[in-house]
């Protein structure tokens, strides 16, 4: 399953550059995405772009005008990590 790398690039920019996630928390967010996309069974041969694209589409991000900062922010809240990255 090969895809362009658009969502991988945008996910990394949003998480590491804009939100300034630690590498550990960036990994936790990505694992959450993989777990969500894989909830109905193992997906063999899927690469990082596959999981990110599926998650982006499952969340109807384009329809709702959401970007990766928005999606990551929701996941951080679900993982109880949002407070760490909230600007005061």
PDB file of N, CA and C in Angstrom:
ATOM      1  N   UNK A   1       0.844  -1.172   0.000  1.00  0.00           N
ATOM      2  CA  UNK A   1       0.000   0.000   0.000  1.00  0.00           C
ATOM      3  C   UNK A   1       0.891   1.237   0.000  1.00  0.00           C
ATOM      4  N   UNK A   2       1.110   1.801  -1.132  1.00  0.00           N
ATOM      5  CA  UNK A   2       1.965   2.986  -1.243  1.00  0.00           C
ATOM      6  C   UNK A   2       1.107   4.218  -1.468  1.00  0.00           C
ATOM      7  N   UNK A   3       1.473   5.289  -0.809  1.00  0.00           N
ATOM      8  CA  UNK A   3       0.796   6.564  -0.938  1.00  0.00           C
ATOM      9  C   UNK A   3       1.860   7.652  -1.060  1.00  0.00           C
ATOM     10  N   UNK A   4       1.439   8.854  -1.486  1.00  0.00           N
ATOM     11  CA  UNK A   4       2.378   9.963  -1.394  1.00  0.00           C
ATOM     12  C   UNK A   4       2.617  10.213   0.093  1.00  0.00           C
ATOM     13  N   UNK A   5       3.490  11.077   0.423  1.00  0.00           N
ATOM     14  CA  UNK A   5       3.841  11.276   1.838  1.00  0.00           C
ATOM     15  C   UNK A   5       3.243  12.552   2.423  1.00  0.00           C
ATOM     16  N   UNK A   6       2.212  13.091   1.778  1.00  0.00           N
ATOM     17  CA  UNK A   6       1.639  14.362   2.205  1.00  0.00           C
ATOM     18  C   UNK A   6       1.201  14.354   3.667  1.00  0.00           C
ATOM     19  N   UNK A   7       0.433  13.347   4.078  1.00  0.00           N
ATOM     20  CA  UNK A   7      -0.041  13.330   5.460  1.00  0.00           C
ATOM     21  C   UNK A   7       1.080  13.076   6.453  1.00  0.00           C
ATOM     22  N   UNK A   8       2.068  12.297   6.072  1.00  0.00           N
ATOM     23  CA  UNK A   8       3.223  12.082   6.947  1.00  0.00           C
ATOM     24  C   UNK A   8       3.945  13.399   7.182  1.00  0.00           C
ATOM     25  N   UNK A   9       4.172  14.139   6.131  1.00  0.00           N
ATOM     26  CA  UNK A   9       4.866  15.423   6.244  1.00  0.00           C
ATOM     27  C   UNK A   9       4.052  16.398   7.097  1.00  0.00           C
ATOM     28  N   UNK A  10       2.766  16.517   6.809  1.00  0.00           N
ATOM     29  CA  UNK A  10       1.918  17.454   7.554  1.00  0.00           C
ATOM     30  C   UNK A  10       1.770  17.039   9.023  1.00  0.00           C
ATOM     31  N   UNK A  11       1.672  15.738   9.277  1.00  0.00           N
ATOM     32  CA  UNK A  11       1.602  15.232  10.651  1.00  0.00           C
ATOM     33  C   UNK A  11       2.871  15.590  11.416  1.00  0.00           C
ATOM     34  N   UNK A  12       4.016  15.397  10.779  1.00  0.00           N
ATOM     35  CA  UNK A  12       5.288  15.710  11.436  1.00  0.00           C
ATOM     36  C   UNK A  12       5.452  17.208  11.673  1.00  0.00           C
ATOM     37  N   UNK A  13       5.090  18.026  10.700  1.00  0.00           N
ATOM     38  CA  UNK A  13       5.190  19.478  10.870  1.00  0.00           C
ATOM     39  C   UNK A  13       4.265  19.937  11.999  1.00  0.00           C
ATOM     40  N   UNK A  14       3.027  19.466  11.980  1.00  0.00           N
ATOM     41  CA  UNK A  14       2.062  19.864  13.006  1.00  0.00           C
ATOM     42  C   UNK A  14       2.523  19.430  14.394  1.00  0.00           C
ATOM     43  N   UNK A  15       2.922  18.179  14.512  1.00  0.00           N
ATOM     44  CA  UNK A  15       3.287  17.647  15.824  1.00  0.00           C
ATOM     45  C   UNK A  15       4.613  18.140  16.352  1.00  0.00           C
ATOM     46  N   UNK A  16       5.637  18.056  15.522  1.00  0.00           N
ATOM     47  CA  UNK A  16       6.988  18.362  16.005  1.00  0.00           C
ATOM     48  C   UNK A  16       7.348  19.844  15.916  1.00  0.00           C
ATOM     49  N   UNK A  17       6.862  20.528  14.897  1.00  0.00           N
ATOM     50  CA  UNK A  17       7.250  21.922  14.702  1.00  0.00           C
ATOM     51  C   UNK A  17       6.237  22.894  15.306  1.00  0.00           C
ATOM     52  N   UNK A  18       4.968  22.714  15.006  1.00  0.00           N
ATOM     53  CA  UNK A  18       3.967  23.677  15.469  1.00  0.00           C
ATOM     54  C   UNK A  18       3.557  23.457  16.925  1.00  0.00           C
ATOM     55  N   UNK A  19       3.230  22.222  17.287  1.00  0.00           N
ATOM     56  CA  UNK A  19       2.831  21.929  18.670  1.00  0.00           C
ATOM     57  C   UNK A  19       4.065  21.718  19.547  1.00  0.00           C
ATOM     58  N   UNK A  20       5.169  21.341  18.935  1.00  0.00           N
ATOM     59  CA  UNK A  20       6.430  21.071  19.640  1.00  0.00           C
ATOM     60  C   UNK A  20       6.327  19.874  20.598  1.00  0.00           C
ATOM     61  N   UNK A  21       5.745  18.786  20.077  1.00  0.00           N
ATOM     62  CA  UNK A  21       5.661  17.553  20.844  1.00  0.00           C
ATOM     63  C   UNK A  21       7.050  16.979  21.068  1.00  0.00           C
ATOM     64  N   UNK A  22       7.218  16.320  22.193  1.00  0.00           N
ATOM     65  CA  UNK A  22       8.430  15.537  22.386  1.00  0.00           C
ATOM     66  C   UNK A  22       8.343  14.351  21.425  1.00  0.00           C
ATOM     67  N   UNK A  23       9.483  13.744  21.122  1.00  0.00           N
ATOM     68  CA  UNK A  23       9.462  12.577  20.244  1.00  0.00           C
ATOM     69  C   UNK A  23       8.641  11.451  20.873  1.00  0.00           C
ATOM     70  N   UNK A  24       8.715  11.341  22.191  1.00  0.00           N
ATOM     71  CA  UNK A  24       7.957  10.301  22.893  1.00  0.00           C
ATOM     72  C   UNK A  24       6.451  10.526  22.721  1.00  0.00           C
ATOM     73  N   UNK A  25       5.987  11.749  22.930  1.00  0.00           N
ATOM     74  CA  UNK A  25       4.560  12.027  22.799  1.00  0.00           C
ATOM     75  C   UNK A  25       4.102  11.969  21.341  1.00  0.00           C
ATOM     76  N   UNK A  26       4.969  12.354  20.427  1.00  0.00           N
ATOM     77  CA  UNK A  26       4.653  12.235  19.005  1.00  0.00           C
ATOM     78  C   UNK A  26       4.410  10.761  18.665  1.00  0.00           C
ATOM     79  N   UNK A  27       5.231   9.898  19.224  1.00  0.00           N
ATOM     80  CA  UNK A  27       5.062   8.457  19.034  1.00  0.00           C
ATOM     81  C   UNK A  27       3.761   7.944  19.640  1.00  0.00           C
ATOM     82  N   UNK A  28       3.397   8.477  20.802  1.00  0.00           N
ATOM     83  CA  UNK A  28       2.135   8.074  21.447  1.00  0.00           C
ATOM     84  C   UNK A  28       0.939   8.483  20.601  1.00  0.00           C
ATOM     85  N   UNK A  29       1.001   9.685  20.020  1.00  0.00           N
ATOM     86  CA  UNK A  29      -0.086  10.156  19.158  1.00  0.00           C
ATOM     87  C   UNK A  29      -0.187   9.248  17.931  1.00  0.00           C
ATOM     88  N   UNK A  30       0.949   8.939  17.323  1.00  0.00           N
ATOM     89  CA  UNK A  30       0.933   8.068  16.144  1.00  0.00           C
ATOM     90  C   UNK A  30       0.393   6.682  16.507  1.00  0.00           C
ATOM     91  N   UNK A  31       0.803   6.135  17.642  1.00  0.00           N
ATOM     92  CA  UNK A  31       0.304   4.824  18.076  1.00  0.00           C
ATOM     93  C   UNK A  31      -1.212   4.862  18.263  1.00  0.00           C
ATOM     94  N   UNK A  32      -1.713   5.953  18.803  1.00  0.00           N
ATOM     95  CA  UNK A  32      -3.161   6.112  18.964  1.00  0.00           C
ATOM     96  C   UNK A  32      -3.864   6.053  17.605  1.00  0.00           C
ATOM     97  N   UNK A  33      -3.262   6.695  16.619  1.00  0.00           N
ATOM     98  CA  UNK A  33      -3.826   6.693  15.262  1.00  0.00           C
ATOM     99  C   UNK A  33      -3.823   5.277  14.693  1.00  0.00           C
ATOM    100  N   UNK A  34      -2.707   4.582  14.825  1.00  0.00           N
ATOM    101  CA  UNK A  34      -2.604   3.203  14.320  1.00  0.00           C
ATOM    102  C   UNK A  34      -3.638   2.313  15.011  1.00  0.00           C
ATOM    103  N   UNK A  35      -3.742   2.450  16.327  1.00  0.00           N
ATOM    104  CA  UNK A  35      -4.714   1.643  17.071  1.00  0.00           C
ATOM    105  C   UNK A  35      -6.136   1.939  16.604  1.00  0.00           C
ATOM    106  N   UNK A  36      -6.441   3.199  16.368  1.00  0.00           N
ATOM    107  CA  UNK A  36      -7.776   3.578  15.922  1.00  0.00           C
ATOM    108  C   UNK A  36      -8.081   3.009  14.539  1.00  0.00           C
ATOM    109  N   UNK A  37      -7.148   3.150  13.627  1.00  0.00           N
ATOM    110  CA  UNK A  37      -7.351   2.665  12.261  1.00  0.00           C
ATOM    111  C   UNK A  37      -7.417   1.136  12.240  1.00  0.00           C
ATOM    112  N   UNK A  38      -6.691   0.487  13.136  1.00  0.00           N
ATOM    113  CA  UNK A  38      -6.614  -0.980  13.162  1.00  0.00           C
ATOM    114  C   UNK A  38      -7.651  -1.626  14.066  1.00  0.00           C
ATOM    115  N   UNK A  39      -8.584  -0.866  14.589  1.00  0.00           N
ATOM    116  CA  UNK A  39      -9.507  -1.406  15.597  1.00  0.00           C
ATOM    117  C   UNK A  39     -10.346  -2.583  15.109  1.00  0.00           C
ATOM    118  N   UNK A  40     -10.493  -2.725  13.806  1.00  0.00           N
ATOM    119  CA  UNK A  40     -11.291  -3.827  13.275  1.00  0.00           C
ATOM    120  C   UNK A  40     -10.440  -4.979  12.763  1.00  0.00           C
ATOM    121  N   UNK A  41      -9.137  -4.911  13.000  1.00  0.00           N
ATOM    122  CA  UNK A  41      -8.272  -6.007  12.602  1.00  0.00           C
ATOM    123  C   UNK A  41      -6.927  -5.523  12.103  1.00  0.00           C
ATOM    124  N   UNK A  42      -6.002  -6.437  12.050  1.00  0.00           N
ATOM    125  CA  UNK A  42      -4.645  -6.124  11.614  1.00  0.00           C
ATOM    126  C   UNK A  42      -4.641  -5.725  10.135  1.00  0.00           C
ATOM    127  N   UNK A  43      -3.820  -4.738   9.818  1.00  0.00           N
ATOM    128  CA  UNK A  43      -3.689  -4.272   8.445  1.00  0.00           C
ATOM    129  C   UNK A  43      -2.268  -4.598   7.988  1.00  0.00           C
ATOM    130  N   UNK A  44      -2.145  -5.618   7.167  1.00  0.00           N
ATOM    131  CA  UNK A  44      -0.821  -6.068   6.720  1.00  0.00           C
ATOM    132  C   UNK A  44      -0.308  -5.202   5.573  1.00  0.00           C
ATOM    133  N   UNK A  45       0.985  -4.903   5.633  1.00  0.00           N
ATOM    134  CA  UNK A  45       1.643  -4.181   4.559  1.00  0.00           C
ATOM    135  C   UNK A  45       1.377  -2.682   4.530  1.00  0.00           C
ATOM    136  N   UNK A  46       0.694  -2.163   5.541  1.00  0.00           N
ATOM    137  CA  UNK A  46       0.386  -0.737   5.566  1.00  0.00           C
ATOM    138  C   UNK A  46       1.583   0.057   6.064  1.00  0.00           C
ATOM    139  N   UNK A  47       1.834   1.187   5.412  1.00  0.00           N
ATOM    140  CA  UNK A  47       2.917   2.063   5.844  1.00  0.00           C
ATOM    141  C   UNK A  47       2.340   3.226   6.654  1.00  0.00           C
ATOM    142  N   UNK A  48       3.229   4.065   7.135  1.00  0.00           N
ATOM    143  CA  UNK A  48       2.848   5.204   7.969  1.00  0.00           C
ATOM    144  C   UNK A  48       1.825   6.095   7.255  1.00  0.00           C
ATOM    145  N   UNK A  49       2.056   6.368   5.985  1.00  0.00           N
ATOM    146  CA  UNK A  49       1.155   7.234   5.220  1.00  0.00           C
ATOM    147  C   UNK A  49      -0.255   6.643   5.151  1.00  0.00           C
ATOM    148  N   UNK A  50      -0.336   5.332   5.025  1.00  0.00           N
ATOM    149  CA  UNK A  50      -1.643   4.679   4.984  1.00  0.00           C
ATOM    150  C   UNK A  50      -2.441   4.988   6.250  1.00  0.00           C
ATOM    151  N   UNK A  51      -1.828   4.764   7.415  1.00  0.00           N
ATOM    152  CA  UNK A  51      -2.520   4.979   8.678  1.00  0.00           C
ATOM    153  C   UNK A  51      -2.926   6.438   8.850  1.00  0.00           C
ATOM    154  N   UNK A  52      -2.025   7.354   8.514  1.00  0.00           N
ATOM    155  CA  UNK A  52      -2.337   8.777   8.662  1.00  0.00           C
ATOM    156  C   UNK A  52      -3.445   9.209   7.701  1.00  0.00           C
ATOM    157  N   UNK A  53      -3.390   8.738   6.475  1.00  0.00           N
ATOM    158  CA  UNK A  53      -4.425   9.083   5.494  1.00  0.00           C
ATOM    159  C   UNK A  53      -5.780   8.523   5.916  1.00  0.00           C
ATOM    160  N   UNK A  54      -5.792   7.272   6.341  1.00  0.00           N
ATOM    161  CA  UNK A  54      -7.048   6.657   6.787  1.00  0.00           C
ATOM    162  C   UNK A  54      -7.629   7.407   7.974  1.00  0.00           C
ATOM    163  N   UNK A  55      -6.781   7.759   8.921  1.00  0.00           N
ATOM    164  CA  UNK A  55      -7.265   8.486  10.097  1.00  0.00           C
ATOM    165  C   UNK A  55      -7.826   9.842   9.694  1.00  0.00           C
ATOM    166  N   UNK A  56      -7.093  10.572   8.858  1.00  0.00           N
ATOM    167  CA  UNK A  56      -7.523  11.885   8.374  1.00  0.00           C
ATOM    168  C   UNK A  56      -8.886  11.785   7.687  1.00  0.00           C
ATOM    169  N   UNK A  57      -9.040  10.778   6.854  1.00  0.00           N
ATOM    170  CA  UNK A  57     -10.309  10.582   6.152  1.00  0.00           C
ATOM    171  C   UNK A  57     -11.421  10.109   7.086  1.00  0.00           C
ATOM    172  N   UNK A  58     -11.093   9.211   8.023  1.00  0.00           N
ATOM    173  CA  UNK A  58     -12.090   8.722   8.981  1.00  0.00           C
ATOM    174  C   UNK A  58     -12.643   9.858   9.843  1.00  0.00           C
ATOM    175  N   UNK A  59     -11.799  10.816  10.157  1.00  0.00           N
ATOM    176  CA  UNK A  59     -12.209  11.961  10.982  1.00  0.00           C
ATOM    177  C   UNK A  59     -12.946  13.029  10.171  1.00  0.00           C
ATOM    178  N   UNK A  60     -13.045  12.800   8.856  1.00  0.00           N
ATOM    179  CA  UNK A  60     -13.683  13.742   7.936  1.00  0.00           C
ATOM    180  C   UNK A  60     -13.073  15.141   8.090  1.00  0.00           C
ATOM    181  N   UNK A  61     -11.760  15.156   8.240  1.00  0.00           N
ATOM    182  CA  UNK A  61     -11.039  16.400   8.504  1.00  0.00           C
ATOM    183  C   UNK A  61     -11.265  17.441   7.412  1.00  0.00           C
ATOM    184  N   UNK A  62     -11.183  17.021   6.183  1.00  0.00           N
ATOM    185  CA  UNK A  62     -11.363  17.966   5.085  1.00  0.00           C
ATOM    186  C   UNK A  62     -12.777  18.551   5.094  1.00  0.00           C
ATOM    187  N   UNK A  63     -13.746  17.723   5.321  1.00  0.00           N
ATOM    188  CA  UNK A  63     -15.149  18.160   5.362  1.00  0.00           C
ATOM    189  C   UNK A  63     -15.376  19.191   6.468  1.00  0.00           C
ATOM    190  N   UNK A  64     -14.764  18.968   7.633  1.00  0.00           N
ATOM    191  CA  UNK A  64     -14.953  19.859   8.771  1.00  0.00           C
ATOM    192  C   UNK A  64     -13.924  20.985   8.835  1.00  0.00           C
ATOM    193  N   UNK A  65     -13.010  21.042   7.869  1.00  0.00           N
ATOM    194  CA  UNK A  65     -12.005  22.094   7.852  1.00  0.00           C
ATOM    195  C   UNK A  65     -10.942  21.932   8.923  1.00  0.00           C
ATOM    196  N   UNK A  66     -10.653  20.681   9.267  1.00  0.00           N
ATOM    197  CA  UNK A  66      -9.655  20.399  10.298  1.00  0.00           C
ATOM    198  C   UNK A  66      -8.303  20.135   9.654  1.00  0.00           C
ATOM    199  N   UNK A  67      -7.247  20.426  10.383  1.00  0.00           N
ATOM    200  CA  UNK A  67      -5.896  20.126   9.917  1.00  0.00           C
ATOM    201  C   UNK A  67      -5.243  19.224  10.959  1.00  0.00           C
ATOM    202  N   UNK A  68      -3.979  18.901  10.725  1.00  0.00           N
ATOM    203  CA  UNK A  68      -3.301  17.977  11.638  1.00  0.00           C
ATOM    204  C   UNK A  68      -3.104  18.561  13.025  1.00  0.00           C
ATOM    205  N   UNK A  69      -2.965  19.869  13.161  1.00  0.00           N
ATOM    206  CA  UNK A  69      -2.878  20.470  14.500  1.00  0.00           C
ATOM    207  C   UNK A  69      -4.175  20.188  15.264  1.00  0.00           C
ATOM    208  N   UNK A  70      -5.298  20.370  14.586  1.00  0.00           N
ATOM    209  CA  UNK A  70      -6.590  20.094  15.221  1.00  0.00           C
ATOM    210  C   UNK A  70      -6.710  18.627  15.631  1.00  0.00           C
ATOM    211  N   UNK A  71      -6.383  17.737  14.707  1.00  0.00           N
ATOM    212  CA  UNK A  71      -6.515  16.301  14.983  1.00  0.00           C
ATOM    213  C   UNK A  71      -5.589  15.858  16.115  1.00  0.00           C
ATOM    214  N   UNK A  72      -4.358  16.327  16.081  1.00  0.00           N
ATOM    215  CA  UNK A  72      -3.399  15.971  17.136  1.00  0.00           C
ATOM    216  C   UNK A  72      -3.864  16.524  18.477  1.00  0.00           C
ATOM    217  N   UNK A  73      -4.414  17.726  18.486  1.00  0.00           N
ATOM    218  CA  UNK A  73      -4.898  18.336  19.729  1.00  0.00           C
ATOM    219  C   UNK A  73      -5.993  17.492  20.372  1.00  0.00           C
ATOM    220  N   UNK A  74      -6.890  16.962  19.566  1.00  0.00           N
ATOM    221  CA  UNK A  74      -7.954  16.092  20.084  1.00  0.00           C
ATOM    222  C   UNK A  74      -7.342  14.822  20.679  1.00  0.00           C
ATOM    223  N   UNK A  75      -6.378  14.243  19.973  1.00  0.00           N
ATOM    224  CA  UNK A  75      -5.727  13.023  20.468  1.00  0.00           C
ATOM    225  C   UNK A  75      -4.990  13.312  21.773  1.00  0.00           C
ATOM    226  N   UNK A  76      -4.304  14.440  21.854  1.00  0.00           N
ATOM    227  CA  UNK A  76      -3.603  14.802  23.097  1.00  0.00           C
ATOM    228  C   UNK A  76      -4.586  14.878  24.259  1.00  0.00           C
ATOM    229  N   UNK A  77      -5.770  15.410  24.013  1.00  0.00           N
ATOM    230  CA  UNK A  77      -6.798  15.469  25.055  1.00  0.00           C
ATOM    231  C   UNK A  77      -7.224  14.063  25.453  1.00  0.00           C
ATOM    232  N   UNK A  78      -7.433  13.202  24.470  1.00  0.00           N
ATOM    233  CA  UNK A  78      -7.831  11.823  24.750  1.00  0.00           C
ATOM    234  C   UNK A  78      -6.760  11.068  25.531  1.00  0.00           C
ATOM    235  N   UNK A  79      -5.499  11.412  25.298  1.00  0.00           N
ATOM    236  CA  UNK A  79      -4.381  10.747  25.986  1.00  0.00           C
ATOM    237  C   UNK A  79      -3.987  11.454  27.288  1.00  0.00           C
ATOM    238  N   UNK A  80      -4.749  12.470  27.670  1.00  0.00           N
ATOM    239  CA  UNK A  80      -4.445  13.268  28.864  1.00  0.00           C
ATOM    240  C   UNK A  80      -3.064  13.918  28.803  1.00  0.00           C
ATOM    241  N   UNK A  81      -2.675  14.360  27.614  1.00  0.00           N
ATOM    242  CA  UNK A  81      -1.387  15.025  27.428  1.00  0.00           C
ATOM    243  C   UNK A  81      -1.544  16.486  27.004  1.00  0.00           C
ATOM    244  N   UNK A  82      -2.759  16.938  26.796  1.00  0.00           N
ATOM    245  CA  UNK A  82      -2.991  18.276  26.233  1.00  0.00           C
ATOM    246  C   UNK A  82      -2.463  19.381  27.124  1.00  0.00           C
ATOM    247  N   UNK A  83      -2.623  19.250  28.410  1.00  0.00           N
ATOM    248  CA  UNK A  83      -2.202  20.309  29.337  1.00  0.00           C
ATOM    249  C   UNK A  83      -0.720  20.613  29.207  1.00  0.00           C
ATOM    250  N   UNK A  84       0.044  19.613  28.926  1.00  0.00           N
ATOM    251  CA  UNK A  84       1.487  19.749  28.755  1.00  0.00           C
ATOM    252  C   UNK A  84       1.836  20.702  27.612  1.00  0.00           C
ATOM    253  N   UNK A  85       0.972  20.795  26.607  1.00  0.00           N
ATOM    254  CA  UNK A  85       1.249  21.571  25.409  1.00  0.00           C
ATOM    255  C   UNK A  85       0.341  22.799  25.258  1.00  0.00           C
ATOM    256  N   UNK A  86      -0.436  23.082  26.292  1.00  0.00           N
ATOM    257  CA  UNK A  86      -1.313  24.245  26.257  1.00  0.00           C
ATOM    258  C   UNK A  86      -0.507  25.482  26.597  1.00  0.00           C
ATOM    259  N   UNK A  87      -0.597  26.478  25.735  1.00  0.00           N
ATOM    260  CA  UNK A  87       0.119  27.730  25.976  1.00  0.00           C
ATOM    261  C   UNK A  87      -0.630  28.537  27.002  1.00  0.00           C
ATOM    262  N   UNK A  88       0.123  29.030  27.971  1.00  0.00           N
ATOM    263  CA  UNK A  88      -0.509  29.806  29.072  1.00  0.00           C
ATOM    264  C   UNK A  88      -0.112  31.240  28.980  1.00  0.00           C
TER     265      UNK A  88
END
